């Protein structure tokens, strides 16, 4: 299971871009920030494999309009 979320500076989850099972490999998820203000946001990627190991990564992004 792969989950990709957008999180604001306060830690509040704003959008879920992806929440589904995917095969191993590279994947893309489209992000439409038109409803958000300019500022700093984070995206979090959670990967839960068949052995129930959960890996996650959080990265910062800046939205400029």
N, C-alpha and C. Protein backbone atom coordinates (compact mmCIF):
# COMPACT_ATOMS: atom_id res chain seq x y z
N UNK A 1 0.85 -1.17 0.00
CA UNK A 1 0.00 0.00 0.00
C UNK A 1 0.90 1.23 0.00
N UNK A 2 0.60 2.16 -0.86
CA UNK A 2 1.34 3.42 -0.93
C UNK A 2 0.38 4.56 -0.64
N UNK A 3 0.77 5.43 0.27
CA UNK A 3 -0.03 6.61 0.59
C UNK A 3 0.85 7.84 0.44
N UNK A 4 0.33 8.85 -0.26
CA UNK A 4 1.03 10.12 -0.41
C UNK A 4 0.10 11.22 0.08
N UNK A 5 0.56 12.00 1.06
CA UNK A 5 -0.25 13.07 1.65
C UNK A 5 0.48 14.40 1.57
N UNK A 6 -0.29 15.47 1.49
CA UNK A 6 0.23 16.83 1.59
C UNK A 6 -0.13 17.33 2.98
N UNK A 7 0.85 17.91 3.68
CA UNK A 7 0.68 18.35 5.06
C UNK A 7 1.09 19.81 5.15
N UNK A 8 0.32 20.61 5.91
CA UNK A 8 0.69 22.02 6.06
C UNK A 8 1.72 22.19 7.17
N UNK A 9 2.13 23.41 7.39
CA UNK A 9 3.21 23.71 8.34
C UNK A 9 2.84 23.36 9.79
N UNK A 10 1.53 23.27 10.09
CA UNK A 10 1.09 22.91 11.44
C UNK A 10 0.97 21.41 11.64
N UNK A 11 1.20 20.63 10.56
CA UNK A 11 1.09 19.18 10.65
C UNK A 11 -0.27 18.63 10.26
N UNK A 12 -1.16 19.51 9.83
CA UNK A 12 -2.51 19.09 9.42
C UNK A 12 -2.46 18.52 8.01
N UNK A 13 -3.06 17.34 7.85
CA UNK A 13 -3.14 16.73 6.52
C UNK A 13 -4.15 17.49 5.68
N UNK A 14 -3.73 17.96 4.51
CA UNK A 14 -4.61 18.76 3.66
C UNK A 14 -5.18 17.96 2.50
N UNK A 15 -4.35 17.12 1.89
CA UNK A 15 -4.79 16.34 0.73
C UNK A 15 -4.14 14.97 0.76
N UNK A 16 -4.88 13.98 0.26
CA UNK A 16 -4.33 12.66 0.00
C UNK A 16 -4.23 12.51 -1.51
N UNK A 17 -3.03 12.35 -2.01
CA UNK A 17 -2.81 12.22 -3.45
C UNK A 17 -2.92 10.79 -3.93
N UNK A 18 -2.59 9.85 -3.06
CA UNK A 18 -2.57 8.45 -3.45
C UNK A 18 -2.80 7.61 -2.21
N UNK A 19 -3.62 6.57 -2.34
CA UNK A 19 -3.87 5.64 -1.24
C UNK A 19 -4.34 4.33 -1.86
N UNK A 20 -3.38 3.56 -2.38
CA UNK A 20 -3.75 2.32 -3.07
C UNK A 20 -2.56 1.38 -3.17
N UNK A 21 -2.84 0.14 -3.54
CA UNK A 21 -1.78 -0.83 -3.77
C UNK A 21 -1.16 -0.57 -5.13
N UNK A 22 0.15 -0.61 -5.20
CA UNK A 22 0.89 -0.44 -6.45
C UNK A 22 2.02 -1.46 -6.48
N UNK A 23 2.37 -1.88 -7.67
CA UNK A 23 3.53 -2.77 -7.83
C UNK A 23 4.81 -1.97 -7.61
N UNK A 24 5.88 -2.67 -7.33
CA UNK A 24 7.17 -2.02 -7.12
C UNK A 24 7.57 -1.26 -8.38
N UNK A 25 8.25 -0.15 -8.20
CA UNK A 25 8.71 0.65 -9.32
C UNK A 25 8.45 2.12 -9.09
N UNK A 26 8.71 2.91 -10.10
CA UNK A 26 8.50 4.36 -10.01
C UNK A 26 7.04 4.71 -10.23
N UNK A 27 6.55 5.68 -9.50
CA UNK A 27 5.16 6.11 -9.61
C UNK A 27 5.08 7.63 -9.55
N UNK A 28 4.01 8.16 -10.11
CA UNK A 28 3.77 9.59 -10.07
C UNK A 28 2.38 9.85 -9.51
N UNK A 29 2.23 11.00 -8.87
CA UNK A 29 0.92 11.45 -8.40
C UNK A 29 0.83 12.94 -8.71
N UNK A 30 -0.23 13.34 -9.38
CA UNK A 30 -0.40 14.74 -9.76
C UNK A 30 -0.90 15.54 -8.57
N UNK A 31 -0.34 16.73 -8.40
CA UNK A 31 -0.71 17.61 -7.29
C UNK A 31 -1.24 18.92 -7.84
N UNK A 32 -2.46 19.27 -7.47
CA UNK A 32 -3.08 20.53 -7.87
C UNK A 32 -3.16 21.42 -6.63
N UNK A 33 -2.29 22.40 -6.56
CA UNK A 33 -2.26 23.29 -5.41
C UNK A 33 -3.05 24.56 -5.60
N UNK A 34 -3.97 24.58 -6.58
CA UNK A 34 -4.71 25.81 -6.88
C UNK A 34 -5.59 26.27 -5.72
N UNK A 35 -6.02 25.38 -4.85
CA UNK A 35 -6.86 25.76 -3.72
C UNK A 35 -6.07 26.11 -2.47
N UNK A 36 -4.75 26.12 -2.57
CA UNK A 36 -3.90 26.39 -1.41
C UNK A 36 -3.20 27.73 -1.56
N UNK A 37 -2.83 28.31 -0.45
CA UNK A 37 -2.07 29.56 -0.44
C UNK A 37 -0.60 29.25 -0.69
N UNK A 38 0.13 30.25 -1.15
CA UNK A 38 1.58 30.11 -1.27
C UNK A 38 2.15 29.85 0.12
N UNK A 39 3.19 29.05 0.19
CA UNK A 39 3.81 28.78 1.48
C UNK A 39 4.56 27.47 1.49
N UNK A 40 4.97 27.06 2.69
CA UNK A 40 5.72 25.83 2.88
C UNK A 40 4.75 24.71 3.21
N UNK A 41 4.92 23.61 2.53
CA UNK A 41 4.13 22.40 2.76
C UNK A 41 5.08 21.22 2.80
N UNK A 42 4.58 20.10 3.26
CA UNK A 42 5.36 18.86 3.29
C UNK A 42 4.57 17.79 2.57
N UNK A 43 5.29 16.84 1.98
CA UNK A 43 4.61 15.65 1.48
C UNK A 43 5.19 14.45 2.19
N UNK A 44 4.30 13.53 2.51
CA UNK A 44 4.69 12.32 3.22
C UNK A 44 4.31 11.12 2.37
N UNK A 45 5.26 10.22 2.20
CA UNK A 45 5.03 8.99 1.45
C UNK A 45 5.19 7.82 2.42
N UNK A 46 4.13 7.02 2.56
CA UNK A 46 4.15 5.83 3.40
C UNK A 46 4.07 4.60 2.50
N UNK A 47 4.93 3.62 2.75
CA UNK A 47 4.93 2.38 1.99
C UNK A 47 4.81 1.23 2.97
N UNK A 48 3.75 0.45 2.83
CA UNK A 48 3.50 -0.72 3.68
C UNK A 48 3.62 -1.94 2.78
N UNK A 49 4.68 -2.73 2.97
CA UNK A 49 4.87 -3.89 2.10
C UNK A 49 4.18 -5.13 2.64
N UNK A 50 4.34 -6.25 1.93
CA UNK A 50 3.64 -7.49 2.30
C UNK A 50 4.06 -8.01 3.67
N UNK A 51 5.25 -7.67 4.12
CA UNK A 51 5.74 -8.15 5.41
C UNK A 51 5.37 -7.18 6.54
N UNK A 52 4.48 -6.25 6.24
CA UNK A 52 3.98 -5.26 7.21
C UNK A 52 5.08 -4.34 7.73
N UNK A 53 6.11 -4.14 6.93
CA UNK A 53 7.12 -3.15 7.27
C UNK A 53 6.68 -1.83 6.69
N UNK A 54 6.67 -0.81 7.49
CA UNK A 54 6.24 0.51 7.02
C UNK A 54 7.46 1.41 6.90
N UNK A 55 7.64 1.94 5.71
CA UNK A 55 8.70 2.90 5.45
C UNK A 55 8.03 4.23 5.13
N UNK A 56 8.62 5.31 5.57
CA UNK A 56 8.04 6.60 5.22
C UNK A 56 9.14 7.63 5.01
N UNK A 57 8.76 8.66 4.27
CA UNK A 57 9.68 9.76 3.99
C UNK A 57 8.87 11.05 3.99
N UNK A 58 9.42 12.08 4.60
CA UNK A 58 8.77 13.39 4.62
C UNK A 58 9.74 14.39 4.00
N UNK A 59 9.24 15.15 3.04
CA UNK A 59 10.06 16.16 2.36
C UNK A 59 9.33 17.49 2.34
N UNK A 60 10.10 18.57 2.37
CA UNK A 60 9.53 19.92 2.33
C UNK A 60 9.39 20.38 0.89
N UNK A 61 8.33 21.13 0.62
CA UNK A 61 8.18 21.76 -0.69
C UNK A 61 7.63 23.17 -0.48
N UNK A 62 7.91 24.04 -1.43
CA UNK A 62 7.44 25.42 -1.35
C UNK A 62 6.51 25.66 -2.53
N UNK A 63 5.30 26.12 -2.22
CA UNK A 63 4.31 26.43 -3.24
C UNK A 63 4.32 27.94 -3.47
N UNK A 64 4.63 28.34 -4.69
CA UNK A 64 4.68 29.76 -5.05
C UNK A 64 3.68 30.00 -6.16
N UNK A 65 2.84 31.00 -5.96
CA UNK A 65 1.83 31.33 -6.98
C UNK A 65 2.12 32.67 -7.59
